[in-house]
Amino acid sequence: MAQIITLQEAQELTFAYQDSTIALNQTIATSVDKTSLLNLLNQTDCEGMKMYFGLDDNNKLTIVCVGLDSIGNDMTSGQLLDRLSRCPPFCDDTSSLIKP
């Protein structure tokens, strides 16, 4: 089960990624709208969501979301999400999770 963490812990994680060579010229965050997320989670027998890392045609990091059934299996015959809004370019410049 997911754990709630502090802002400091979140900053340590996100800043470590942003400082890494992996993140150079790469996506640092993605966002998904509520409707798309709820549609995925409201599928029959869906109990959660898994997020896979992928690379798009431009070799940029992307996230693929898939529903999980009650025993944790990917619901690959259901809805799959990609093409989430990426940062950059769509960043919240006031976010405490983006390294200044």
PDB file of N, CA and C in Angstrom:
ATOM      1  N   MET A   1       0.847  -1.183   0.000  1.00  0.00           N
ATOM      2  CA  MET A   1       0.000   0.000   0.000  1.00  0.00           C
ATOM      3  C   MET A   1       0.892   1.245   0.000  1.00  0.00           C
ATOM      4  N   ALA A   2       0.457   2.249  -0.716  1.00  0.00           N
ATOM      5  CA  ALA A   2       1.211   3.500  -0.797  1.00  0.00           C
ATOM      6  C   ALA A   2       1.336   4.135   0.580  1.00  0.00           C
ATOM      7  N   GLN A   3       2.404   4.882   0.766  1.00  0.00           N
ATOM      8  CA  GLN A   3       2.637   5.569   2.030  1.00  0.00           C
ATOM      9  C   GLN A   3       2.638   7.074   1.814  1.00  0.00           C
ATOM     10  N   ILE A   4       2.060   7.782   2.751  1.00  0.00           N
ATOM     11  CA  ILE A   4       2.114   9.243   2.739  1.00  0.00           C
ATOM     12  C   ILE A   4       3.502   9.640   3.221  1.00  0.00           C
ATOM     13  N   ILE A   5       4.125  10.573   2.501  1.00  0.00           N
ATOM     14  CA  ILE A   5       5.443  11.051   2.894  1.00  0.00           C
ATOM     15  C   ILE A   5       5.387  12.552   3.128  1.00  0.00           C
ATOM     16  N   THR A   6       6.432  13.077   3.745  1.00  0.00           N
ATOM     17  CA  THR A   6       6.506  14.508   4.013  1.00  0.00           C
ATOM     18  C   THR A   6       6.967  15.255   2.763  1.00  0.00           C
ATOM     19  N   LEU A   7       6.770  16.562   2.773  1.00  0.00           N
ATOM     20  CA  LEU A   7       7.264  17.387   1.678  1.00  0.00           C
ATOM     21  C   LEU A   7       8.776  17.243   1.570  1.00  0.00           C
ATOM     22  N   GLN A   8       9.473  17.205   2.688  1.00  0.00           N
ATOM     23  CA  GLN A   8      10.936  17.065   2.659  1.00  0.00           C
ATOM     24  C   GLN A   8      11.352  15.758   1.971  1.00  0.00           C
ATOM     25  N   GLU A   9      10.673  14.666   2.297  1.00  0.00           N
ATOM     26  CA  GLU A   9      10.983  13.390   1.649  1.00  0.00           C
ATOM     27  C   GLU A   9      10.698  13.460   0.150  1.00  0.00           C
ATOM     28  N   ALA A  10       9.587  14.086  -0.205  1.00  0.00           N
ATOM     29  CA  ALA A  10       9.229  14.228  -1.615  1.00  0.00           C
ATOM     30  C   ALA A  10      10.275  15.068  -2.351  1.00  0.00           C
ATOM     31  N   GLN A  11      10.744  16.124  -1.711  1.00  0.00           N
ATOM     32  CA  GLN A  11      11.770  16.960  -2.323  1.00  0.00           C
ATOM     33  C   GLN A  11      13.079  16.191  -2.498  1.00  0.00           C
ATOM     34  N   GLU A  12      13.461  15.404  -1.500  1.00  0.00           N
ATOM     35  CA  GLU A  12      14.682  14.613  -1.616  1.00  0.00           C
ATOM     36  C   GLU A  12      14.604  13.673  -2.820  1.00  0.00           C
ATOM     37  N   LEU A  13      13.453  13.058  -3.011  1.00  0.00           N
ATOM     38  CA  LEU A  13      13.267  12.133  -4.129  1.00  0.00           C
ATOM     39  C   LEU A  13      13.266  12.864  -5.474  1.00  0.00           C
ATOM     40  N   THR A  14      12.469  13.927  -5.575  1.00  0.00           N
ATOM     41  CA  THR A  14      12.351  14.620  -6.859  1.00  0.00           C
ATOM     42  C   THR A  14      13.627  15.381  -7.216  1.00  0.00           C
ATOM     43  N   PHE A  15      14.266  15.988  -6.233  1.00  0.00           N
ATOM     44  CA  PHE A  15      15.507  16.715  -6.499  1.00  0.00           C
ATOM     45  C   PHE A  15      16.614  15.750  -6.919  1.00  0.00           C
ATOM     46  N   ALA A  16      16.674  14.571  -6.302  1.00  0.00           N
ATOM     47  CA  ALA A  16      17.692  13.573  -6.673  1.00  0.00           C
ATOM     48  C   ALA A  16      17.529  13.189  -8.144  1.00  0.00           C
ATOM     49  N   TYR A  17      16.297  12.994  -8.564  1.00  0.00           N
ATOM     50  CA  TYR A  17      16.054  12.684  -9.984  1.00  0.00           C
ATOM     51  C   TYR A  17      16.430  13.868 -10.864  1.00  0.00           C
ATOM     52  N   GLN A  18      15.991  15.066 -10.496  1.00  0.00           N
ATOM     53  CA  GLN A  18      16.254  16.248 -11.312  1.00  0.00           C
ATOM     54  C   GLN A  18      17.744  16.541 -11.429  1.00  0.00           C
ATOM     55  N   ASP A  19      18.532  16.171 -10.412  1.00  0.00           N
ATOM     56  CA  ASP A  19      19.985  16.372 -10.437  1.00  0.00           C
ATOM     57  C   ASP A  19      20.728  15.255 -11.173  1.00  0.00           C
ATOM     58  N   SER A  20      20.049  14.169 -11.476  1.00  0.00           N
ATOM     59  CA  SER A  20      20.718  13.016 -12.079  1.00  0.00           C
ATOM     60  C   SER A  20      20.940  13.216 -13.580  1.00  0.00           C
ATOM     61  N   THR A  21      21.882  12.469 -14.120  1.00  0.00           N
ATOM     62  CA  THR A  21      22.130  12.520 -15.558  1.00  0.00           C
ATOM     63  C   THR A  21      20.957  11.913 -16.332  1.00  0.00           C
ATOM     64  N   ILE A  22      20.179  11.054 -15.685  1.00  0.00           N
ATOM     65  CA  ILE A  22      19.011  10.447 -16.322  1.00  0.00           C
ATOM     66  C   ILE A  22      17.996  11.521 -16.721  1.00  0.00           C
ATOM     67  N   ALA A  23      17.882  12.550 -15.897  1.00  0.00           N
ATOM     68  CA  ALA A  23      16.866  13.579 -16.115  1.00  0.00           C
ATOM     69  C   ALA A  23      17.289  14.675 -17.082  1.00  0.00           C
ATOM     70  N   LEU A  24      18.533  14.654 -17.517  1.00  0.00           N
ATOM     71  CA  LEU A  24      19.030  15.691 -18.417  1.00  0.00           C
ATOM     72  C   LEU A  24      18.185  15.736 -19.690  1.00  0.00           C
ATOM     73  N   ASN A  25      17.564  16.876 -19.957  1.00  0.00           N
ATOM     74  CA  ASN A  25      16.681  17.073 -21.124  1.00  0.00           C
ATOM     75  C   ASN A  25      15.535  16.071 -21.159  1.00  0.00           C
ATOM     76  N   GLN A  26      15.044  15.685 -19.998  1.00  0.00           N
ATOM     77  CA  GLN A  26      14.038  14.648 -19.903  1.00  0.00           C
ATOM     78  C   GLN A  26      12.796  15.162 -19.168  1.00  0.00           C
ATOM     79  N   THR A  27      11.724  14.427 -19.251  1.00  0.00           N
ATOM     80  CA  THR A  27      10.499  14.716 -18.513  1.00  0.00           C
ATOM     81  C   THR A  27      10.783  14.586 -17.018  1.00  0.00           C
ATOM     82  N   ILE A  28      10.322  15.564 -16.216  1.00  0.00           N
ATOM     83  CA  ILE A  28      10.506  15.448 -14.766  1.00  0.00           C
ATOM     84  C   ILE A  28       9.198  15.182 -14.028  1.00  0.00           C
ATOM     85  N   ALA A  29       8.084  15.333 -14.732  1.00  0.00           N
ATOM     86  CA  ALA A  29       6.787  15.075 -14.106  1.00  0.00           C
ATOM     87  C   ALA A  29       5.734  14.916 -15.193  1.00  0.00           C
ATOM     88  N   THR A  30       4.659  14.248 -14.834  1.00  0.00           N
ATOM     89  CA  THR A  30       3.498  14.163 -15.710  1.00  0.00           C
ATOM     90  C   THR A  30       2.256  14.384 -14.866  1.00  0.00           C
ATOM     91  N   SER A  31       1.190  14.801 -15.506  1.00  0.00           N
ATOM     92  CA  SER A  31      -0.073  14.952 -14.786  1.00  0.00           C
ATOM     93  C   SER A  31      -1.195  14.372 -15.622  1.00  0.00           C
ATOM     94  N   VAL A  32      -2.237  13.935 -14.930  1.00  0.00           N
ATOM     95  CA  VAL A  32      -3.389  13.350 -15.599  1.00  0.00           C
ATOM     96  C   VAL A  32      -4.639  14.033 -15.061  1.00  0.00           C
ATOM     97  N   ASP A  33      -5.589  14.264 -15.932  1.00  0.00           N
ATOM     98  CA  ASP A  33      -6.819  14.922 -15.504  1.00  0.00           C
ATOM     99  C   ASP A  33      -7.701  13.951 -14.714  1.00  0.00           C
ATOM    100  N   LYS A  34      -8.534  14.502 -13.876  1.00  0.00           N
ATOM    101  CA  LYS A  34      -9.401  13.732 -12.976  1.00  0.00           C
ATOM    102  C   LYS A  34     -10.329  12.792 -13.739  1.00  0.00           C
ATOM    103  N   THR A  35     -10.916  13.265 -14.821  1.00  0.00           N
ATOM    104  CA  THR A  35     -11.861  12.445 -15.576  1.00  0.00           C
ATOM    105  C   THR A  35     -11.192  11.191 -16.115  1.00  0.00           C
ATOM    106  N   SER A  36     -10.020  11.340 -16.739  1.00  0.00           N
ATOM    107  CA  SER A  36      -9.313  10.180 -17.286  1.00  0.00           C
ATOM    108  C   SER A  36      -8.913   9.206 -16.192  1.00  0.00           C
ATOM    109  N   LEU A  37      -8.427   9.738 -15.077  1.00  0.00           N
ATOM    110  CA  LEU A  37      -8.018   8.881 -13.964  1.00  0.00           C
ATOM    111  C   LEU A  37      -9.208   8.136 -13.373  1.00  0.00           C
ATOM    112  N   LEU A  38     -10.309   8.830 -13.152  1.00  0.00           N
ATOM    113  CA  LEU A  38     -11.491   8.177 -12.600  1.00  0.00           C
ATOM    114  C   LEU A  38     -12.078   7.150 -13.569  1.00  0.00           C
ATOM    115  N   ASN A  39     -12.057   7.446 -14.876  1.00  0.00           N
ATOM    116  CA  ASN A  39     -12.530   6.472 -15.859  1.00  0.00           C
ATOM    117  C   ASN A  39     -11.712   5.192 -15.787  1.00  0.00           C
ATOM    118  N   LEU A  40     -10.403   5.322 -15.628  1.00  0.00           N
ATOM    119  CA  LEU A  40      -9.552   4.143 -15.508  1.00  0.00           C
ATOM    120  C   LEU A  40      -9.879   3.384 -14.224  1.00  0.00           C
ATOM    121  N   LEU A  41      -9.959   4.096 -13.098  1.00  0.00           N
ATOM    122  CA  LEU A  41     -10.188   3.454 -11.798  1.00  0.00           C
ATOM    123  C   LEU A  41     -11.614   2.917 -11.633  1.00  0.00           C
ATOM    124  N   ASN A  42     -12.571   3.484 -12.357  1.00  0.00           N
ATOM    125  CA  ASN A  42     -13.965   3.052 -12.236  1.00  0.00           C
ATOM    126  C   ASN A  42     -14.330   1.890 -13.156  1.00  0.00           C
ATOM    127  N   GLN A  43     -13.348   1.314 -13.832  1.00  0.00           N
ATOM    128  CA  GLN A  43     -13.622   0.128 -14.640  1.00  0.00           C
ATOM    129  C   GLN A  43     -14.106  -1.007 -13.724  1.00  0.00           C
ATOM    130  N   THR A  44     -14.954  -1.852 -14.227  1.00  0.00           N
ATOM    131  CA  THR A  44     -15.440  -2.996 -13.465  1.00  0.00           C
ATOM    132  C   THR A  44     -14.259  -3.824 -12.970  1.00  0.00           C
ATOM    133  N   ASP A  45     -14.269  -4.145 -11.681  1.00  0.00           N
ATOM    134  CA  ASP A  45     -13.250  -4.970 -11.018  1.00  0.00           C
ATOM    135  C   ASP A  45     -11.891  -4.295 -10.861  1.00  0.00           C
ATOM    136  N   CYS A  46     -11.784  -3.001 -11.134  1.00  0.00           N
ATOM    137  CA  CYS A  46     -10.516  -2.290 -10.965  1.00  0.00           C
ATOM    138  C   CYS A  46     -10.344  -1.901  -9.502  1.00  0.00           C
ATOM    139  N   GLU A  47      -9.200  -2.258  -8.924  1.00  0.00           N
ATOM    140  CA  GLU A  47      -8.911  -1.983  -7.519  1.00  0.00           C
ATOM    141  C   GLU A  47      -7.724  -1.048  -7.325  1.00  0.00           C
ATOM    142  N   GLY A  48      -7.073  -0.650  -8.392  1.00  0.00           N
ATOM    143  CA  GLY A  48      -5.907   0.218  -8.283  1.00  0.00           C
ATOM    144  C   GLY A  48      -5.336   0.521  -9.646  1.00  0.00           C
ATOM    145  N   MET A  49      -4.114   1.046  -9.647  1.00  0.00           N
ATOM    146  CA  MET A  49      -3.475   1.454 -10.890  1.00  0.00           C
ATOM    147  C   MET A  49      -1.980   1.179 -10.795  1.00  0.00           C
ATOM    148  N   LYS A  50      -1.401   0.774 -11.902  1.00  0.00           N
ATOM    149  CA  LYS A  50       0.051   0.623 -12.012  1.00  0.00           C
ATOM    150  C   LYS A  50       0.528   1.601 -13.068  1.00  0.00           C
ATOM    151  N   MET A  51       1.735   2.144 -12.863  1.00  0.00           N
ATOM    152  CA  MET A  51       2.318   3.081 -13.800  1.00  0.00           C
ATOM    153  C   MET A  51       3.620   2.504 -14.329  1.00  0.00           C
ATOM    154  N   TYR A  52       3.691   2.358 -15.643  1.00  0.00           N
ATOM    155  CA  TYR A  52       4.893   1.879 -16.305  1.00  0.00           C
ATOM    156  C   TYR A  52       5.634   3.057 -16.905  1.00  0.00           C
ATOM    157  N   PHE A  53       6.960   3.016 -16.851  1.00  0.00           N
ATOM    158  CA  PHE A  53       7.777   4.008 -17.539  1.00  0.00           C
ATOM    159  C   PHE A  53       7.978   3.549 -18.976  1.00  0.00           C
ATOM    160  N   GLY A  54       7.958   4.497 -19.888  1.00  0.00           N
ATOM    161  CA  GLY A  54       8.192   4.194 -21.288  1.00  0.00           C
ATOM    162  C   GLY A  54       8.915   5.352 -21.953  1.00  0.00           C
ATOM    163  N   LEU A  55       9.318   5.153 -23.200  1.00  0.00           N
ATOM    164  CA  LEU A  55       9.943   6.203 -24.002  1.00  0.00           C
ATOM    165  C   LEU A  55       9.108   6.411 -25.255  1.00  0.00           C
ATOM    166  N   ASP A  56       8.823   7.679 -25.560  1.00  0.00           N
ATOM    167  CA  ASP A  56       8.026   7.978 -26.751  1.00  0.00           C
ATOM    168  C   ASP A  56       8.921   8.033 -27.998  1.00  0.00           C
ATOM    169  N   ASP A  57       8.351   8.443 -29.126  1.00  0.00           N
ATOM    170  CA  ASP A  57       9.091   8.504 -30.389  1.00  0.00           C
ATOM    171  C   ASP A  57      10.249   9.493 -30.349  1.00  0.00           C
ATOM    172  N   ASN A  58      10.194  10.458 -29.428  1.00  0.00           N
ATOM    173  CA  ASN A  58      11.263  11.451 -29.283  1.00  0.00           C
ATOM    174  C   ASN A  58      12.237  11.088 -28.171  1.00  0.00           C
ATOM    175  N   ASN A  59      12.154   9.846 -27.696  1.00  0.00           N
ATOM    176  CA  ASN A  59      13.018   9.338 -26.633  1.00  0.00           C
ATOM    177  C   ASN A  59      12.814  10.097 -25.316  1.00  0.00           C
ATOM    178  N   LYS A  60      11.601  10.596 -25.109  1.00  0.00           N
ATOM    179  CA  LYS A  60      11.244  11.281 -23.867  1.00  0.00           C
ATOM    180  C   LYS A  60      10.472  10.324 -22.968  1.00  0.00           C
ATOM    181  N   LEU A  61      10.733  10.443 -21.681  1.00  0.00           N
ATOM    182  CA  LEU A  61      10.062   9.612 -20.693  1.00  0.00           C
ATOM    183  C   LEU A  61       8.562   9.834 -20.736  1.00  0.00           C
ATOM    184  N   THR A  62       7.803   8.759 -20.695  1.00  0.00           N
ATOM    185  CA  THR A  62       6.353   8.828 -20.629  1.00  0.00           C
ATOM    186  C   THR A  62       5.877   7.819 -19.593  1.00  0.00           C
ATOM    187  N   ILE A  63       4.665   7.973 -19.146  1.00  0.00           N
ATOM    188  CA  ILE A  63       4.060   7.073 -18.171  1.00  0.00           C
ATOM    189  C   ILE A  63       2.850   6.422 -18.830  1.00  0.00           C
ATOM    190  N   VAL A  64       2.761   5.107 -18.710  1.00  0.00           N
ATOM    191  CA  VAL A  64       1.598   4.351 -19.180  1.00  0.00           C
ATOM    192  C   VAL A  64       0.881   3.834 -17.944  1.00  0.00           C
ATOM    193  N   CYS A  65      -0.403   4.152 -17.809  1.00  0.00           N
ATOM    194  CA  CYS A  65      -1.194   3.748 -16.648  1.00  0.00           C
ATOM    195  C   CYS A  65      -2.143   2.626 -17.035  1.00  0.00           C
ATOM    196  N   VAL A  66      -2.245   1.624 -16.169  1.00  0.00           N
ATOM    197  CA  VAL A  66      -3.128   0.490 -16.397  1.00  0.00           C
ATOM    198  C   VAL A  66      -3.834   0.172 -15.082  1.00  0.00           C
ATOM    199  N   GLY A  67      -5.091  -0.222 -15.169  1.00  0.00           N
ATOM    200  CA  GLY A  67      -5.827  -0.625 -13.982  1.00  0.00           C
ATOM    201  C   GLY A  67      -5.325  -1.959 -13.450  1.00  0.00           C
ATOM    202  N   LEU A  68      -5.540  -2.178 -12.150  1.00  0.00           N
ATOM    203  CA  LEU A  68      -5.188  -3.439 -11.497  1.00  0.00           C
ATOM    204  C   LEU A  68      -6.436  -4.098 -10.966  1.00  0.00           C
ATOM    205  N   ASP A  69      -6.526  -5.416 -11.123  1.00  0.00           N
ATOM    206  CA  ASP A  69      -7.662  -6.139 -10.562  1.00  0.00           C
ATOM    207  C   ASP A  69      -7.406  -6.465  -9.082  1.00  0.00           C
ATOM    208  N   SER A  70      -8.314  -7.189  -8.464  1.00  0.00           N
ATOM    209  CA  SER A  70      -8.246  -7.439  -7.020  1.00  0.00           C
ATOM    210  C   SER A  70      -7.042  -8.269  -6.596  1.00  0.00           C
ATOM    211  N   ILE A  71      -6.399  -8.982  -7.526  1.00  0.00           N
ATOM    212  CA  ILE A  71      -5.200  -9.741  -7.146  1.00  0.00           C
ATOM    213  C   ILE A  71      -3.928  -9.101  -7.700  1.00  0.00           C
ATOM    214  N   GLY A  72      -4.052  -7.889  -8.201  1.00  0.00           N
ATOM    215  CA  GLY A  72      -2.887  -7.124  -8.633  1.00  0.00           C
ATOM    216  C   GLY A  72      -2.453  -7.349 -10.056  1.00  0.00           C
ATOM    217  N   ASN A  73      -3.287  -8.001 -10.849  1.00  0.00           N
ATOM    218  CA  ASN A  73      -2.958  -8.224 -12.256  1.00  0.00           C
ATOM    219  C   ASN A  73      -3.320  -7.008 -13.100  1.00  0.00           C
ATOM    220  N   ASP A  74      -2.474  -6.718 -14.089  1.00  0.00           N
ATOM    221  CA  ASP A  74      -2.744  -5.627 -15.023  1.00  0.00           C
ATOM    222  C   ASP A  74      -4.004  -5.929 -15.828  1.00  0.00           C
ATOM    223  N   MET A  75      -4.861  -4.925 -15.938  1.00  0.00           N
ATOM    224  CA  MET A  75      -6.090  -5.050 -16.724  1.00  0.00           C
ATOM    225  C   MET A  75      -5.822  -4.529 -18.139  1.00  0.00           C
ATOM    226  N   THR A  76      -4.959  -5.241 -18.868  1.00  0.00           N
ATOM    227  CA  THR A  76      -4.515  -4.773 -20.180  1.00  0.00           C
ATOM    228  C   THR A  76      -5.600  -4.825 -21.251  1.00  0.00           C
ATOM    229  N   SER A  77      -6.693  -5.521 -20.983  1.00  0.00           N
ATOM    230  CA  SER A  77      -7.796  -5.517 -21.947  1.00  0.00           C
ATOM    231  C   SER A  77      -8.744  -4.349 -21.690  1.00  0.00           C
ATOM    232  N   GLY A  78      -8.474  -3.569 -20.644  1.00  0.00           N
ATOM    233  CA  GLY A  78      -9.285  -2.398 -20.319  1.00  0.00           C
ATOM    234  C   GLY A  78      -8.622  -1.127 -20.820  1.00  0.00           C
ATOM    235  N   GLN A  79      -8.919  -0.015 -20.161  1.00  0.00           N
ATOM    236  CA  GLN A  79      -8.357   1.276 -20.541  1.00  0.00           C
ATOM    237  C   GLN A  79      -6.885   1.358 -20.152  1.00  0.00           C
ATOM    238  N   LEU A  80      -6.115   1.944 -21.033  1.00  0.00           N
ATOM    239  CA  LEU A  80      -4.712   2.256 -20.783  1.00  0.00           C
ATOM    240  C   LEU A  80      -4.538   3.745 -21.039  1.00  0.00           C
ATOM    241  N   LEU A  81      -3.765   4.425 -20.208  1.00  0.00           N
ATOM    242  CA  LEU A  81      -3.555   5.867 -20.369  1.00  0.00           C
ATOM    243  C   LEU A  81      -2.112   6.166 -20.729  1.00  0.00           C
ATOM    244  N   ASP A  82      -1.909   7.118 -21.621  1.00  0.00           N
ATOM    245  CA  ASP A  82      -0.606   7.666 -21.969  1.00  0.00           C
ATOM    246  C   ASP A  82      -0.859   9.079 -22.479  1.00  0.00           C
ATOM    247  N   ARG A  83       0.174   9.710 -22.944  1.00  0.00           N
ATOM    248  CA  ARG A  83       0.122  11.088 -23.439  1.00  0.00           C
ATOM    249  C   ARG A  83      -0.384  12.033 -22.345  1.00  0.00           C
ATOM    250  N   LEU A  84       0.140  11.786 -21.140  1.00  0.00           N
ATOM    251  CA  LEU A  84      -0.180  12.657 -20.024  1.00  0.00           C
ATOM    252  C   LEU A  84       0.501  14.005 -20.257  1.00  0.00           C
ATOM    253  N   SER A  85       0.046  15.012 -19.567  1.00  0.00           N
ATOM    254  CA  SER A  85       0.638  16.341 -19.688  1.00  0.00           C
ATOM    255  C   SER A  85       2.024  16.317 -19.038  1.00  0.00           C
ATOM    256  N   ARG A  86       3.039  16.737 -19.767  1.00  0.00           N
ATOM    257  CA  ARG A  86       4.422  16.616 -19.298  1.00  0.00           C
ATOM    258  C   ARG A  86       5.015  17.933 -18.824  1.00  0.00           C
ATOM    259  N   CYS A  87       5.916  17.786 -17.883  1.00  0.00           N
ATOM    260  CA  CYS A  87       6.734  18.892 -17.392  1.00  0.00           C
ATOM    261  C   CYS A  87       8.197  18.500 -17.618  1.00  0.00           C
ATOM    262  N   PRO A  88       8.981  19.282 -18.359  1.00  0.00           N
ATOM    263  CA  PRO A  88       8.526  20.370 -19.186  1.00  0.00           C
ATOM    264  C   PRO A  88       7.753  19.875 -20.405  1.00  0.00           C
ATOM    265  N   PRO A  89       6.988  20.716 -21.031  1.00  0.00           N
ATOM    266  CA  PRO A  89       6.900  22.171 -20.907  1.00  0.00           C
ATOM    267  C   PRO A  89       5.822  22.656 -19.945  1.00  0.00           C
ATOM    268  N   PHE A  90       4.893  21.769 -19.549  1.00  0.00           N
ATOM    269  CA  PHE A  90       3.774  22.211 -18.717  1.00  0.00           C
ATOM    270  C   PHE A  90       4.109  22.025 -17.244  1.00  0.00           C
ATOM    271  N   CYS A  91       4.909  22.947 -16.701  1.00  0.00           N
ATOM    272  CA  CYS A  91       5.378  22.854 -15.317  1.00  0.00           C
ATOM    273  C   CYS A  91       4.722  23.918 -14.441  1.00  0.00           C
ATOM    274  N   ASP A  92       4.603  23.592 -13.171  1.00  0.00           N
ATOM    275  CA  ASP A  92       4.168  24.562 -12.165  1.00  0.00           C
ATOM    276  C   ASP A  92       5.433  25.174 -11.587  1.00  0.00           C
ATOM    277  N   ASP A  93       5.801  26.334 -12.076  1.00  0.00           N
ATOM    278  CA  ASP A  93       7.052  26.964 -11.654  1.00  0.00           C
ATOM    279  C   ASP A  93       7.068  27.346 -10.183  1.00  0.00           C
ATOM    280  N   THR A  94       5.925  27.274  -9.506  1.00  0.00           N
ATOM    281  CA  THR A  94       5.880  27.613  -8.090  1.00  0.00           C
ATOM    282  C   THR A  94       5.935  26.355  -7.209  1.00  0.00           C
ATOM    283  N   SER A  95       6.001  25.168  -7.820  1.00  0.00           N
ATOM    284  CA  SER A  95       5.982  23.926  -7.060  1.00  0.00           C
ATOM    285  C   SER A  95       7.246  23.751  -6.222  1.00  0.00           C
ATOM    286  N   SER A  96       7.046  23.314  -5.006  1.00  0.00           N
ATOM    287  CA  SER A  96       8.168  23.014  -4.101  1.00  0.00           C
ATOM    288  C   SER A  96       8.884  21.732  -4.489  1.00  0.00           C
ATOM    289  N   LEU A  97       8.353  21.004  -5.482  1.00  0.00           N
ATOM    290  CA  LEU A  97       8.955  19.739  -5.897  1.00  0.00           C
ATOM    291  C   LEU A  97       9.866  19.901  -7.117  1.00  0.00           C
ATOM    292  N   ILE A  98       9.923  21.117  -7.656  1.00  0.00           N
ATOM    293  CA  ILE A  98      10.828  21.410  -8.753  1.00  0.00           C
ATOM    294  C   ILE A  98      12.010  22.180  -8.197  1.00  0.00           C
ATOM    295  N   LYS A  99      13.189  21.637  -8.426  1.00  0.00           N
ATOM    296  CA  LYS A  99      14.400  22.257  -7.885  1.00  0.00           C
ATOM    297  C   LYS A  99      14.609  23.633  -8.502  1.00  0.00           C
ATOM    298  N   PRO A 100      14.840  24.628  -7.640  1.00  0.00           N
ATOM    299  CA  PRO A 100      15.035  25.993  -8.167  1.00  0.00           C
ATOM    300  C   PRO A 100      16.329  26.118  -8.973  1.00  0.00           C
TER     301      PRO A 100
END
